[in-house]
Amino acid sequence: MNRDIVAEGYEGEEKALLIPVEWLSKEARFKIIETLISTRSIVDLARNLGVTPTAIRKYLRRDTHPSNEVIRRALAIMESYEEEKIFMIIIQDFLSALKMLYDSLGEPYKERMRKIIEEAILQ
């Protein structure tokens, strides 16, 4: 799958496929589920995600985290009013991971990383 494709013009499930959910932290996964449960019942969310209500309760208690497939389904079912909040969770999570990586590098690698980011994202 080519992730260089711009997400604009894609809907629901198609847009969810463009996001590398395997990179999401457990905390971001929990926040996505918490966002979705705020406007749905546990039973409805479980049905929509293809899991049991017990699984949803475990996510909410942070006993276990949602799998990549569950998060893909979550992104596919999110409503337009949830999109901004969920995308901000994802963006902040990815940027936090990049910052941690950047901070762990020596100066020559930091400079290379800055150039790569500039060329890949800021062009």
PDB file of N, CA and C in Angstrom:
ATOM      1  N   MET A   1       0.840  -1.177   0.000  1.00  0.00           N
ATOM      2  CA  MET A   1       0.000   0.000   0.000  1.00  0.00           C
ATOM      3  C   MET A   1       0.884   1.238   0.000  1.00  0.00           C
ATOM      4  N   ASN A   2       0.590   2.196  -0.830  1.00  0.00           N
ATOM      5  CA  ASN A   2       1.358   3.419  -0.932  1.00  0.00           C
ATOM      6  C   ASN A   2       0.788   4.451   0.033  1.00  0.00           C
ATOM      7  N   ARG A   3       1.538   4.762   1.079  1.00  0.00           N
ATOM      8  CA  ARG A   3       1.057   5.708   2.087  1.00  0.00           C
ATOM      9  C   ARG A   3       1.362   7.145   1.699  1.00  0.00           C
ATOM     10  N   ASP A   4       1.977   7.360   0.542  1.00  0.00           N
ATOM     11  CA  ASP A   4       2.249   8.713   0.077  1.00  0.00           C
ATOM     12  C   ASP A   4       0.991   9.360  -0.490  1.00  0.00           C
ATOM     13  N   ILE A   5      -0.060   8.580  -0.619  1.00  0.00           N
ATOM     14  CA  ILE A   5      -1.322   9.096  -1.153  1.00  0.00           C
ATOM     15  C   ILE A   5      -1.921  10.068  -0.149  1.00  0.00           C
ATOM     16  N   VAL A   6      -2.401  11.182  -0.625  1.00  0.00           N
ATOM     17  CA  VAL A   6      -3.040  12.162   0.246  1.00  0.00           C
ATOM     18  C   VAL A   6      -4.383  11.604   0.701  1.00  0.00           C
ATOM     19  N   ALA A   7      -4.693  11.755   1.996  1.00  0.00           N
ATOM     20  CA  ALA A   7      -5.915  11.182   2.568  1.00  0.00           C
ATOM     21  C   ALA A   7      -7.169  11.940   2.152  1.00  0.00           C
ATOM     22  N   GLU A   8      -7.006  13.141   1.626  1.00  0.00           N
ATOM     23  CA  GLU A   8      -8.162  13.926   1.208  1.00  0.00           C
ATOM     24  C   GLU A   8      -8.933  13.190   0.114  1.00  0.00           C
ATOM     25  N   GLY A   9     -10.232  13.170   0.230  1.00  0.00           N
ATOM     26  CA  GLY A   9     -11.046  12.498  -0.773  1.00  0.00           C
ATOM     27  C   GLY A   9     -11.349  11.054  -0.425  1.00  0.00           C
ATOM     28  N   TYR A  10     -10.733  10.551   0.630  1.00  0.00           N
ATOM     29  CA  TYR A  10     -11.003   9.185   1.074  1.00  0.00           C
ATOM     30  C   TYR A  10     -11.989   9.246   2.223  1.00  0.00           C
ATOM     31  N   GLU A  11     -12.780   8.219   2.356  1.00  0.00           N
ATOM     32  CA  GLU A  11     -13.776   8.163   3.408  1.00  0.00           C
ATOM     33  C   GLU A  11     -13.579   6.931   4.277  1.00  0.00           C
ATOM     34  N   GLY A  12     -13.983   7.039   5.537  1.00  0.00           N
ATOM     35  CA  GLY A  12     -14.071   5.930   6.465  1.00  0.00           C
ATOM     36  C   GLY A  12     -12.984   4.896   6.372  1.00  0.00           C
ATOM     37  N   GLU A  13     -13.367   3.723   5.899  1.00  0.00           N
ATOM     38  CA  GLU A  13     -12.461   2.587   5.859  1.00  0.00           C
ATOM     39  C   GLU A  13     -11.246   2.848   4.982  1.00  0.00           C
ATOM     40  N   GLU A  14     -11.428   3.541   3.857  1.00  0.00           N
ATOM     41  CA  GLU A  14     -10.294   3.843   2.979  1.00  0.00           C
ATOM     42  C   GLU A  14      -9.277   4.716   3.697  1.00  0.00           C
ATOM     43  N   LYS A  15      -9.755   5.744   4.416  1.00  0.00           N
ATOM     44  CA  LYS A  15      -8.873   6.646   5.141  1.00  0.00           C
ATOM     45  C   LYS A  15      -8.152   5.887   6.255  1.00  0.00           C
ATOM     46  N   ALA A  16      -8.853   4.983   6.929  1.00  0.00           N
ATOM     47  CA  ALA A  16      -8.253   4.198   8.013  1.00  0.00           C
ATOM     48  C   ALA A  16      -7.095   3.352   7.510  1.00  0.00           C
ATOM     49  N   LEU A  17      -7.166   2.891   6.274  1.00  0.00           N
ATOM     50  CA  LEU A  17      -6.102   2.063   5.717  1.00  0.00           C
ATOM     51  C   LEU A  17      -4.829   2.854   5.454  1.00  0.00           C
ATOM     52  N   LEU A  18      -4.923   4.158   5.346  1.00  0.00           N
ATOM     53  CA  LEU A  18      -3.761   4.991   5.069  1.00  0.00           C
ATOM     54  C   LEU A  18      -2.956   5.317   6.323  1.00  0.00           C
ATOM     55  N   ILE A  19      -3.515   5.089   7.494  1.00  0.00           N
ATOM     56  CA  ILE A  19      -2.857   5.425   8.756  1.00  0.00           C
ATOM     57  C   ILE A  19      -2.107   4.194   9.273  1.00  0.00           C
ATOM     58  N   PRO A  20      -0.818   4.335   9.551  1.00  0.00           N
ATOM     59  CA  PRO A  20      -0.044   3.185  10.054  1.00  0.00           C
ATOM     60  C   PRO A  20      -0.367   2.906  11.527  1.00  0.00           C
ATOM     61  N   VAL A  21      -1.495   2.277  11.773  1.00  0.00           N
ATOM     62  CA  VAL A  21      -1.964   2.059  13.147  1.00  0.00           C
ATOM     63  C   VAL A  21      -1.004   1.208  13.971  1.00  0.00           C
ATOM     64  N   GLU A  22      -0.184   0.406  13.301  1.00  0.00           N
ATOM     65  CA  GLU A  22       0.764  -0.421  14.043  1.00  0.00           C
ATOM     66  C   GLU A  22       1.787   0.421  14.800  1.00  0.00           C
ATOM     67  N   TRP A  23       1.918   1.688  14.451  1.00  0.00           N
ATOM     68  CA  TRP A  23       2.851   2.588  15.138  1.00  0.00           C
ATOM     69  C   TRP A  23       2.238   3.265  16.350  1.00  0.00           C
ATOM     70  N   LEU A  24       0.933   3.146  16.534  1.00  0.00           N
ATOM     71  CA  LEU A  24       0.266   3.824  17.644  1.00  0.00           C
ATOM     72  C   LEU A  24       0.638   3.211  18.989  1.00  0.00           C
ATOM     73  N   SER A  25       0.827   4.077  19.967  1.00  0.00           N
ATOM     74  CA  SER A  25       1.106   3.613  21.326  1.00  0.00           C
ATOM     75  C   SER A  25      -0.155   3.016  21.947  1.00  0.00           C
ATOM     76  N   LYS A  26       0.031   2.290  23.031  1.00  0.00           N
ATOM     77  CA  LYS A  26      -1.121   1.751  23.744  1.00  0.00           C
ATOM     78  C   LYS A  26      -2.000   2.881  24.270  1.00  0.00           C
ATOM     79  N   GLU A  27      -1.368   3.945  24.758  1.00  0.00           N
ATOM     80  CA  GLU A  27      -2.124   5.076  25.299  1.00  0.00           C
ATOM     81  C   GLU A  27      -3.016   5.710  24.240  1.00  0.00           C
ATOM     82  N   ALA A  28      -2.492   5.900  23.032  1.00  0.00           N
ATOM     83  CA  ALA A  28      -3.298   6.472  21.950  1.00  0.00           C
ATOM     84  C   ALA A  28      -4.465   5.549  21.608  1.00  0.00           C
ATOM     85  N   ARG A  29      -4.218   4.251  21.604  1.00  0.00           N
ATOM     86  CA  ARG A  29      -5.284   3.288  21.324  1.00  0.00           C
ATOM     87  C   ARG A  29      -6.404   3.400  22.355  1.00  0.00           C
ATOM     88  N   PHE A  30      -6.015   3.502  23.643  1.00  0.00           N
ATOM     89  CA  PHE A  30      -7.014   3.654  24.701  1.00  0.00           C
ATOM     90  C   PHE A  30      -7.825   4.935  24.503  1.00  0.00           C
ATOM     91  N   LYS A  31      -7.150   6.033  24.157  1.00  0.00           N
ATOM     92  CA  LYS A  31      -7.835   7.309  23.966  1.00  0.00           C
ATOM     93  C   LYS A  31      -8.820   7.248  22.798  1.00  0.00           C
ATOM     94  N   ILE A  32      -8.473   6.541  21.753  1.00  0.00           N
ATOM     95  CA  ILE A  32      -9.383   6.393  20.608  1.00  0.00           C
ATOM     96  C   ILE A  32     -10.649   5.658  21.042  1.00  0.00           C
ATOM     97  N   ILE A  33     -10.485   4.570  21.784  1.00  0.00           N
ATOM     98  CA  ILE A  33     -11.650   3.821  22.274  1.00  0.00           C
ATOM     99  C   ILE A  33     -12.481   4.694  23.208  1.00  0.00           C
ATOM    100  N   GLU A  34     -11.826   5.448  24.100  1.00  0.00           N
ATOM    101  CA  GLU A  34     -12.556   6.329  25.020  1.00  0.00           C
ATOM    102  C   GLU A  34     -13.349   7.392  24.255  1.00  0.00           C
ATOM    103  N   THR A  35     -12.784   7.882  23.175  1.00  0.00           N
ATOM    104  CA  THR A  35     -13.501   8.867  22.353  1.00  0.00           C
ATOM    105  C   THR A  35     -14.746   8.237  21.746  1.00  0.00           C
ATOM    106  N   LEU A  36     -14.609   7.041  21.207  1.00  0.00           N
ATOM    107  CA  LEU A  36     -15.748   6.378  20.574  1.00  0.00           C
ATOM    108  C   LEU A  36     -16.825   5.990  21.577  1.00  0.00           C
ATOM    109  N   ILE A  37     -16.432   5.572  22.775  1.00  0.00           N
ATOM    110  CA  ILE A  37     -17.424   5.118  23.757  1.00  0.00           C
ATOM    111  C   ILE A  37     -18.202   6.301  24.340  1.00  0.00           C
ATOM    112  N   SER A  38     -17.687   7.504  24.179  1.00  0.00           N
ATOM    113  CA  SER A  38     -18.374   8.665  24.754  1.00  0.00           C
ATOM    114  C   SER A  38     -19.734   8.927  24.104  1.00  0.00           C
ATOM    115  N   THR A  39     -19.965   8.371  22.909  1.00  0.00           N
ATOM    116  CA  THR A  39     -21.259   8.587  22.230  1.00  0.00           C
ATOM    117  C   THR A  39     -21.939   7.287  21.828  1.00  0.00           C
ATOM    118  N   ARG A  40     -21.463   6.171  22.351  1.00  0.00           N
ATOM    119  CA  ARG A  40     -22.037   4.867  22.012  1.00  0.00           C
ATOM    120  C   ARG A  40     -22.139   4.020  23.273  1.00  0.00           C
ATOM    121  N   SER A  41     -22.999   3.036  23.232  1.00  0.00           N
ATOM    122  CA  SER A  41     -23.040   2.079  24.336  1.00  0.00           C
ATOM    123  C   SER A  41     -21.910   1.071  24.143  1.00  0.00           C
ATOM    124  N   ILE A  42     -21.569   0.384  25.197  1.00  0.00           N
ATOM    125  CA  ILE A  42     -20.535  -0.655  25.111  1.00  0.00           C
ATOM    126  C   ILE A  42     -20.940  -1.728  24.109  1.00  0.00           C
ATOM    127  N   VAL A  43     -22.198  -2.112  24.133  1.00  0.00           N
ATOM    128  CA  VAL A  43     -22.686  -3.157  23.223  1.00  0.00           C
ATOM    129  C   VAL A  43     -22.598  -2.694  21.773  1.00  0.00           C
ATOM    130  N   ASP A  44     -23.026  -1.460  21.503  1.00  0.00           N
ATOM    131  CA  ASP A  44     -22.961  -0.945  20.127  1.00  0.00           C
ATOM    132  C   ASP A  44     -21.524  -0.839  19.633  1.00  0.00           C
ATOM    133  N   LEU A  45     -20.635  -0.312  20.480  1.00  0.00           N
ATOM    134  CA  LEU A  45     -19.246  -0.178  20.063  1.00  0.00           C
ATOM    135  C   LEU A  45     -18.623  -1.551  19.830  1.00  0.00           C
ATOM    136  N   ALA A  46     -18.905  -2.491  20.707  1.00  0.00           N
ATOM    137  CA  ALA A  46     -18.379  -3.852  20.537  1.00  0.00           C
ATOM    138  C   ALA A  46     -18.844  -4.447  19.214  1.00  0.00           C
ATOM    139  N   ARG A  47     -20.113  -4.303  18.929  1.00  0.00           N
ATOM    140  CA  ARG A  47     -20.665  -4.833  17.680  1.00  0.00           C
ATOM    141  C   ARG A  47     -19.974  -4.188  16.474  1.00  0.00           C
ATOM    142  N   ASN A  48     -19.831  -2.874  16.512  1.00  0.00           N
ATOM    143  CA  ASN A  48     -19.203  -2.156  15.398  1.00  0.00           C
ATOM    144  C   ASN A  48     -17.730  -2.508  15.207  1.00  0.00           C
ATOM    145  N   LEU A  49     -17.054  -2.832  16.298  1.00  0.00           N
ATOM    146  CA  LEU A  49     -15.622  -3.160  16.213  1.00  0.00           C
ATOM    147  C   LEU A  49     -15.362  -4.654  16.041  1.00  0.00           C
ATOM    148  N   GLY A  50     -16.413  -5.452  16.134  1.00  0.00           N
ATOM    149  CA  GLY A  50     -16.249  -6.891  15.965  1.00  0.00           C
ATOM    150  C   GLY A  50     -15.588  -7.573  17.151  1.00  0.00           C
ATOM    151  N   VAL A  51     -15.817  -7.015  18.350  1.00  0.00           N
ATOM    152  CA  VAL A  51     -15.284  -7.611  19.576  1.00  0.00           C
ATOM    153  C   VAL A  51     -16.429  -7.796  20.562  1.00  0.00           C
ATOM    154  N   THR A  52     -16.143  -8.363  21.695  1.00  0.00           N
ATOM    155  CA  THR A  52     -17.177  -8.554  22.713  1.00  0.00           C
ATOM    156  C   THR A  52     -17.270  -7.327  23.616  1.00  0.00           C
ATOM    157  N   PRO A  53     -18.402  -7.156  24.281  1.00  0.00           N
ATOM    158  CA  PRO A  53     -18.500  -6.077  25.276  1.00  0.00           C
ATOM    159  C   PRO A  53     -17.439  -6.214  26.376  1.00  0.00           C
ATOM    160  N   THR A  54     -17.084  -7.444  26.700  1.00  0.00           N
ATOM    161  CA  THR A  54     -16.030  -7.672  27.700  1.00  0.00           C
ATOM    162  C   THR A  54     -14.699  -7.099  27.222  1.00  0.00           C
ATOM    163  N   ALA A  55     -14.413  -7.237  25.947  1.00  0.00           N
ATOM    164  CA  ALA A  55     -13.173  -6.668  25.391  1.00  0.00           C
ATOM    165  C   ALA A  55     -13.180  -5.149  25.542  1.00  0.00           C
ATOM    166  N   ILE A  56     -14.317  -4.519  25.260  1.00  0.00           N
ATOM    167  CA  ILE A  56     -14.421  -3.055  25.403  1.00  0.00           C
ATOM    168  C   ILE A  56     -14.165  -2.662  26.854  1.00  0.00           C
ATOM    169  N   ARG A  57     -14.755  -3.390  27.787  1.00  0.00           N
ATOM    170  CA  ARG A  57     -14.540  -3.091  29.212  1.00  0.00           C
ATOM    171  C   ARG A  57     -13.061  -3.231  29.575  1.00  0.00           C
ATOM    172  N   LYS A  58     -12.404  -4.241  29.030  1.00  0.00           N
ATOM    173  CA  LYS A  58     -10.964  -4.428  29.295  1.00  0.00           C
ATOM    174  C   LYS A  58     -10.144  -3.271  28.728  1.00  0.00           C
ATOM    175  N   TYR A  59     -10.524  -2.767  27.543  1.00  0.00           N
ATOM    176  CA  TYR A  59      -9.832  -1.600  26.982  1.00  0.00           C
ATOM    177  C   TYR A  59     -10.013  -0.396  27.896  1.00  0.00           C
ATOM    178  N   LEU A  60     -11.242  -0.183  28.362  1.00  0.00           N
ATOM    179  CA  LEU A  60     -11.538   0.979  29.200  1.00  0.00           C
ATOM    180  C   LEU A  60     -10.829   0.913  30.553  1.00  0.00           C
ATOM    181  N   ARG A  61     -10.623  -0.297  31.081  1.00  0.00           N
ATOM    182  CA  ARG A  61      -9.883  -0.484  32.336  1.00  0.00           C
ATOM    183  C   ARG A  61      -8.373  -0.539  32.101  1.00  0.00           C
ATOM    184  N   ARG A  62      -7.994  -0.547  30.806  1.00  0.00           N
ATOM    185  CA  ARG A  62      -6.595  -0.643  30.390  1.00  0.00           C
ATOM    186  C   ARG A  62      -5.958  -1.976  30.797  1.00  0.00           C
ATOM    187  N   ASP A  63      -6.796  -3.014  30.858  1.00  0.00           N
ATOM    188  CA  ASP A  63      -6.297  -4.367  31.140  1.00  0.00           C
ATOM    189  C   ASP A  63      -5.616  -4.958  29.913  1.00  0.00           C
ATOM    190  N   THR A  64      -6.094  -4.580  28.743  1.00  0.00           N
ATOM    191  CA  THR A  64      -5.514  -5.019  27.474  1.00  0.00           C
ATOM    192  C   THR A  64      -5.736  -3.899  26.467  1.00  0.00           C
ATOM    193  N   HIS A  65      -4.919  -3.869  25.444  1.00  0.00           N
ATOM    194  CA  HIS A  65      -5.065  -2.787  24.456  1.00  0.00           C
ATOM    195  C   HIS A  65      -5.672  -3.318  23.161  1.00  0.00           C
ATOM    196  N   PRO A  66      -6.359  -2.443  22.438  1.00  0.00           N
ATOM    197  CA  PRO A  66      -6.974  -2.842  21.165  1.00  0.00           C
ATOM    198  C   PRO A  66      -5.901  -3.205  20.128  1.00  0.00           C
ATOM    199  N   SER A  67      -6.185  -4.229  19.361  1.00  0.00           N
ATOM    200  CA  SER A  67      -5.264  -4.679  18.308  1.00  0.00           C
ATOM    201  C   SER A  67      -5.252  -3.687  17.148  1.00  0.00           C
ATOM    202  N   ASN A  68      -4.305  -3.882  16.242  1.00  0.00           N
ATOM    203  CA  ASN A  68      -4.250  -3.058  15.031  1.00  0.00           C
ATOM    204  C   ASN A  68      -5.567  -3.125  14.266  1.00  0.00           C
ATOM    205  N   GLU A  69      -6.120  -4.328  14.130  1.00  0.00           N
ATOM    206  CA  GLU A  69      -7.365  -4.498  13.376  1.00  0.00           C
ATOM    207  C   GLU A  69      -8.530  -3.773  14.049  1.00  0.00           C
ATOM    208  N   VAL A  70      -8.604  -3.823  15.370  1.00  0.00           N
ATOM    209  CA  VAL A  70      -9.676  -3.113  16.095  1.00  0.00           C
ATOM    210  C   VAL A  70      -9.525  -1.610  15.896  1.00  0.00           C
ATOM    211  N   ILE A  71      -8.302  -1.107  15.940  1.00  0.00           N
ATOM    212  CA  ILE A  71      -8.088   0.326  15.723  1.00  0.00           C
ATOM    213  C   ILE A  71      -8.433   0.707  14.291  1.00  0.00           C
ATOM    214  N   ARG A  72      -8.104  -0.134  13.321  1.00  0.00           N
ATOM    215  CA  ARG A  72      -8.499   0.156  11.929  1.00  0.00           C
ATOM    216  C   ARG A  72     -10.021   0.253  11.817  1.00  0.00           C
ATOM    217  N   ARG A  73     -10.711  -0.673  12.466  1.00  0.00           N
ATOM    218  CA  ARG A  73     -12.185  -0.619  12.440  1.00  0.00           C
ATOM    219  C   ARG A  73     -12.691   0.639  13.144  1.00  0.00           C
ATOM    220  N   ALA A  74     -12.040   1.007  14.248  1.00  0.00           N
ATOM    221  CA  ALA A  74     -12.437   2.212  14.985  1.00  0.00           C
ATOM    222  C   ALA A  74     -12.320   3.440  14.086  1.00  0.00           C
ATOM    223  N   LEU A  75     -11.243   3.530  13.329  1.00  0.00           N
ATOM    224  CA  LEU A  75     -11.059   4.667  12.425  1.00  0.00           C
ATOM    225  C   LEU A  75     -12.091   4.646  11.296  1.00  0.00           C
ATOM    226  N   ALA A  76     -12.461   3.446  10.885  1.00  0.00           N
ATOM    227  CA  ALA A  76     -13.438   3.321   9.804  1.00  0.00           C
ATOM    228  C   ALA A  76     -14.849   3.704  10.254  1.00  0.00           C
ATOM    229  N   ILE A  77     -15.163   3.533  11.540  1.00  0.00           N
ATOM    230  CA  ILE A  77     -16.522   3.823  12.021  1.00  0.00           C
ATOM    231  C   ILE A  77     -16.661   5.183  12.677  1.00  0.00           C
ATOM    232  N   MET A  78     -15.549   5.902  12.856  1.00  0.00           N
ATOM    233  CA  MET A  78     -15.667   7.185  13.554  1.00  0.00           C
ATOM    234  C   MET A  78     -16.576   8.129  12.765  1.00  0.00           C
ATOM    235  N   GLU A  79     -17.320   8.903  13.509  1.00  0.00           N
ATOM    236  CA  GLU A  79     -18.223   9.887  12.914  1.00  0.00           C
ATOM    237  C   GLU A  79     -17.450  11.170  12.630  1.00  0.00           C
ATOM    238  N   SER A  80     -17.993  12.009  11.789  1.00  0.00           N
ATOM    239  CA  SER A  80     -17.301  13.250  11.408  1.00  0.00           C
ATOM    240  C   SER A  80     -17.015  14.125  12.627  1.00  0.00           C
ATOM    241  N   TYR A  81     -17.902  14.126  13.623  1.00  0.00           N
ATOM    242  CA  TYR A  81     -17.688  14.943  14.820  1.00  0.00           C
ATOM    243  C   TYR A  81     -16.589  14.373  15.724  1.00  0.00           C
ATOM    244  N   GLU A  82     -16.176  13.127  15.502  1.00  0.00           N
ATOM    245  CA  GLU A  82     -15.099  12.516  16.284  1.00  0.00           C
ATOM    246  C   GLU A  82     -13.750  12.594  15.559  1.00  0.00           C
ATOM    247  N   GLU A  83     -13.796  12.872  14.284  1.00  0.00           N
ATOM    248  CA  GLU A  83     -12.600  12.822  13.436  1.00  0.00           C
ATOM    249  C   GLU A  83     -11.480  13.729  13.932  1.00  0.00           C
ATOM    250  N   GLU A  84     -11.783  14.991  14.223  1.00  0.00           N
ATOM    251  CA  GLU A  84     -10.733  15.916  14.646  1.00  0.00           C
ATOM    252  C   GLU A  84     -10.048  15.439  15.922  1.00  0.00           C
ATOM    253  N   LYS A  85     -10.830  15.032  16.906  1.00  0.00           N
ATOM    254  CA  LYS A  85     -10.252  14.587  18.177  1.00  0.00           C
ATOM    255  C   LYS A  85      -9.378  13.341  17.968  1.00  0.00           C
ATOM    256  N   ILE A  86      -9.867  12.387  17.205  1.00  0.00           N
ATOM    257  CA  ILE A  86      -9.116  11.145  16.988  1.00  0.00           C
ATOM    258  C   ILE A  86      -7.859  11.407  16.163  1.00  0.00           C
ATOM    259  N   PHE A  87      -7.971  12.237  15.130  1.00  0.00           N
ATOM    260  CA  PHE A  87      -6.773  12.546  14.343  1.00  0.00           C
ATOM    261  C   PHE A  87      -5.745  13.300  15.179  1.00  0.00           C
ATOM    262  N   MET A  88      -6.182  14.159  16.091  1.00  0.00           N
ATOM    263  CA  MET A  88      -5.235  14.859  16.966  1.00  0.00           C
ATOM    264  C   MET A  88      -4.555  13.883  17.925  1.00  0.00           C
ATOM    265  N   ILE A  89      -5.273  12.890  18.398  1.00  0.00           N
ATOM    266  CA  ILE A  89      -4.661  11.850  19.236  1.00  0.00           C
ATOM    267  C   ILE A  89      -3.545  11.166  18.455  1.00  0.00           C
ATOM    268  N   ILE A  90      -3.833  10.807  17.215  1.00  0.00           N
ATOM    269  CA  ILE A  90      -2.855  10.110  16.373  1.00  0.00           C
ATOM    270  C   ILE A  90      -1.662  11.010  16.062  1.00  0.00           C
ATOM    271  N   ILE A  91      -1.912  12.242  15.664  1.00  0.00           N
ATOM    272  CA  ILE A  91      -0.832  13.173  15.329  1.00  0.00           C
ATOM    273  C   ILE A  91       0.068  13.404  16.535  1.00  0.00           C
ATOM    274  N   GLN A  92      -0.519  13.675  17.692  1.00  0.00           N
ATOM    275  CA  GLN A  92       0.274  13.921  18.891  1.00  0.00           C
ATOM    276  C   GLN A  92       1.089  12.702  19.282  1.00  0.00           C
ATOM    277  N   ASP A  93       0.512  11.524  19.104  1.00  0.00           N
ATOM    278  CA  ASP A  93       1.218  10.286  19.440  1.00  0.00           C
ATOM    279  C   ASP A  93       2.431  10.094  18.521  1.00  0.00           C
ATOM    280  N   PHE A  94       2.232  10.262  17.220  1.00  0.00           N
ATOM    281  CA  PHE A  94       3.332  10.105  16.268  1.00  0.00           C
ATOM    282  C   PHE A  94       4.421  11.149  16.507  1.00  0.00           C
ATOM    283  N   LEU A  95       4.024  12.392  16.735  1.00  0.00           N
ATOM    284  CA  LEU A  95       5.009  13.442  16.968  1.00  0.00           C
ATOM    285  C   LEU A  95       5.773  13.231  18.267  1.00  0.00           C
ATOM    286  N   SER A  96       5.104  12.730  19.274  1.00  0.00           N
ATOM    287  CA  SER A  96       5.773  12.420  20.534  1.00  0.00           C
ATOM    288  C   SER A  96       6.844  11.340  20.334  1.00  0.00           C
ATOM    289  N   ALA A  97       6.512  10.325  19.544  1.00  0.00           N
ATOM    290  CA  ALA A  97       7.485   9.262  19.262  1.00  0.00           C
ATOM    291  C   ALA A  97       8.662   9.810  18.455  1.00  0.00           C
ATOM    292  N   LEU A  98       8.387  10.654  17.471  1.00  0.00           N
ATOM    293  CA  LEU A  98       9.462  11.265  16.688  1.00  0.00           C
ATOM    294  C   LEU A  98      10.354  12.135  17.563  1.00  0.00           C
ATOM    295  N   LYS A  99       9.770  12.883  18.483  1.00  0.00           N
ATOM    296  CA  LYS A  99      10.535  13.732  19.398  1.00  0.00           C
ATOM    297  C   LYS A  99      11.435  12.886  20.294  1.00  0.00           C
ATOM    298  N   MET A 100      10.911  11.779  20.794  1.00  0.00           N
ATOM    299  CA  MET A 100      11.723  10.883  21.629  1.00  0.00           C
ATOM    300  C   MET A 100      12.902  10.342  20.832  1.00  0.00           C
ATOM    301  N   LEU A 101      12.656   9.947  19.592  1.00  0.00           N
ATOM    302  CA  LEU A 101      13.729   9.473  18.723  1.00  0.00           C
ATOM    303  C   LEU A 101      14.750  10.579  18.490  1.00  0.00           C
ATOM    304  N   TYR A 102      14.282  11.748  18.133  1.00  0.00           N
ATOM    305  CA  TYR A 102      15.154  12.891  17.859  1.00  0.00           C
ATOM    306  C   TYR A 102      16.036  13.198  19.068  1.00  0.00           C
ATOM    307  N   ASP A 103      15.439  13.242  20.243  1.00  0.00           N
ATOM    308  CA  ASP A 103      16.182  13.555  21.464  1.00  0.00           C
ATOM    309  C   ASP A 103      17.237  12.507  21.803  1.00  0.00           C
ATOM    310  N   SER A 104      17.048  11.288  21.315  1.00  0.00           N
ATOM    311  CA  SER A 104      18.004  10.221  21.618  1.00  0.00           C
ATOM    312  C   SER A 104      19.184  10.187  20.648  1.00  0.00           C
ATOM    313  N   LEU A 105      19.133  10.972  19.586  1.00  0.00           N
ATOM    314  CA  LEU A 105      20.166  10.947  18.551  1.00  0.00           C
ATOM    315  C   LEU A 105      21.291  11.933  18.830  1.00  0.00           C
ATOM    316  N   GLY A 106      22.461  11.615  18.272  1.00  0.00           N
ATOM    317  CA  GLY A 106      23.570  12.555  18.288  1.00  0.00           C
ATOM    318  C   GLY A 106      23.338  13.628  17.236  1.00  0.00           C
ATOM    319  N   GLU A 107      24.095  14.714  17.313  1.00  0.00           N
ATOM    320  CA  GLU A 107      23.869  15.871  16.436  1.00  0.00           C
ATOM    321  C   GLU A 107      23.908  15.550  14.946  1.00  0.00           C
ATOM    322  N   PRO A 108      24.854  14.728  14.454  1.00  0.00           N
ATOM    323  CA  PRO A 108      24.837  14.457  13.004  1.00  0.00           C
ATOM    324  C   PRO A 108      23.529  13.794  12.543  1.00  0.00           C
ATOM    325  N   TYR A 109      23.003  12.907  13.369  1.00  0.00           N
ATOM    326  CA  TYR A 109      21.755  12.226  13.014  1.00  0.00           C
ATOM    327  C   TYR A 109      20.557  13.150  13.170  1.00  0.00           C
ATOM    328  N   LYS A 110      20.620  14.061  14.149  1.00  0.00           N
ATOM    329  CA  LYS A 110      19.545  15.034  14.311  1.00  0.00           C
ATOM    330  C   LYS A 110      19.435  15.894  13.062  1.00  0.00           C
ATOM    331  N   GLU A 111      20.571  16.330  12.533  1.00  0.00           N
ATOM    332  CA  GLU A 111      20.569  17.151  11.321  1.00  0.00           C
ATOM    333  C   GLU A 111      19.994  16.373  10.149  1.00  0.00           C
ATOM    334  N   ARG A 112      20.387  15.117  10.011  1.00  0.00           N
ATOM    335  CA  ARG A 112      19.846  14.279   8.928  1.00  0.00           C
ATOM    336  C   ARG A 112      18.346  14.094   9.093  1.00  0.00           C
ATOM    337  N   MET A 113      17.912  13.885  10.334  1.00  0.00           N
ATOM    338  CA  MET A 113      16.481  13.710  10.585  1.00  0.00           C
ATOM    339  C   MET A 113      15.722  14.985  10.223  1.00  0.00           C
ATOM    340  N   ARG A 114      16.255  16.151  10.585  1.00  0.00           N
ATOM    341  CA  ARG A 114      15.614  17.421  10.236  1.00  0.00           C
ATOM    342  C   ARG A 114      15.466  17.547   8.720  1.00  0.00           C
ATOM    343  N   LYS A 115      16.507  17.194   7.984  1.00  0.00           N
ATOM    344  CA  LYS A 115      16.465  17.280   6.525  1.00  0.00           C
ATOM    345  C   LYS A 115      15.440  16.312   5.936  1.00  0.00           C
ATOM    346  N   ILE A 116      15.404  15.109   6.465  1.00  0.00           N
ATOM    347  CA  ILE A 116      14.444  14.109   5.979  1.00  0.00           C
ATOM    348  C   ILE A 116      13.014  14.587   6.226  1.00  0.00           C
ATOM    349  N   ILE A 117      12.767  15.108   7.414  1.00  0.00           N
ATOM    350  CA  ILE A 117      11.424  15.600   7.737  1.00  0.00           C
ATOM    351  C   ILE A 117      11.063  16.760   6.822  1.00  0.00           C
ATOM    352  N   GLU A 118      11.998  17.657   6.641  1.00  0.00           N
ATOM    353  CA  GLU A 118      11.748  18.809   5.773  1.00  0.00           C
ATOM    354  C   GLU A 118      11.414  18.365   4.347  1.00  0.00           C
ATOM    355  N   GLU A 119      12.186  17.430   3.826  1.00  0.00           N
ATOM    356  CA  GLU A 119      11.958  16.964   2.450  1.00  0.00           C
ATOM    357  C   GLU A 119      10.678  16.150   2.316  1.00  0.00           C
ATOM    358  N   ALA A 120      10.404  15.315   3.305  1.00  0.00           N
ATOM    359  CA  ALA A 120       9.264  14.400   3.202  1.00  0.00           C
ATOM    360  C   ALA A 120       7.939  15.038   3.565  1.00  0.00           C
ATOM    361  N   ILE A 121       7.958  15.971   4.510  1.00  0.00           N
ATOM    362  CA  ILE A 121       6.702  16.474   5.037  1.00  0.00           C
ATOM    363  C   ILE A 121       6.476  17.949   4.741  1.00  0.00           C
ATOM    364  N   LEU A 122       7.494  18.740   4.864  1.00  0.00           N
ATOM    365  CA  LEU A 122       7.323  20.193   4.813  1.00  0.00           C
ATOM    366  C   LEU A 122       7.496  20.798   3.422  1.00  0.00           C
ATOM    367  N   GLN A 123       7.639  19.974   2.411  1.00  0.00           N
ATOM    368  CA  GLN A 123       7.850  20.503   1.062  1.00  0.00           C
ATOM    369  C   GLN A 123       6.622  21.130   0.477  1.00  0.00           C
TER     370      GLN A 123
END
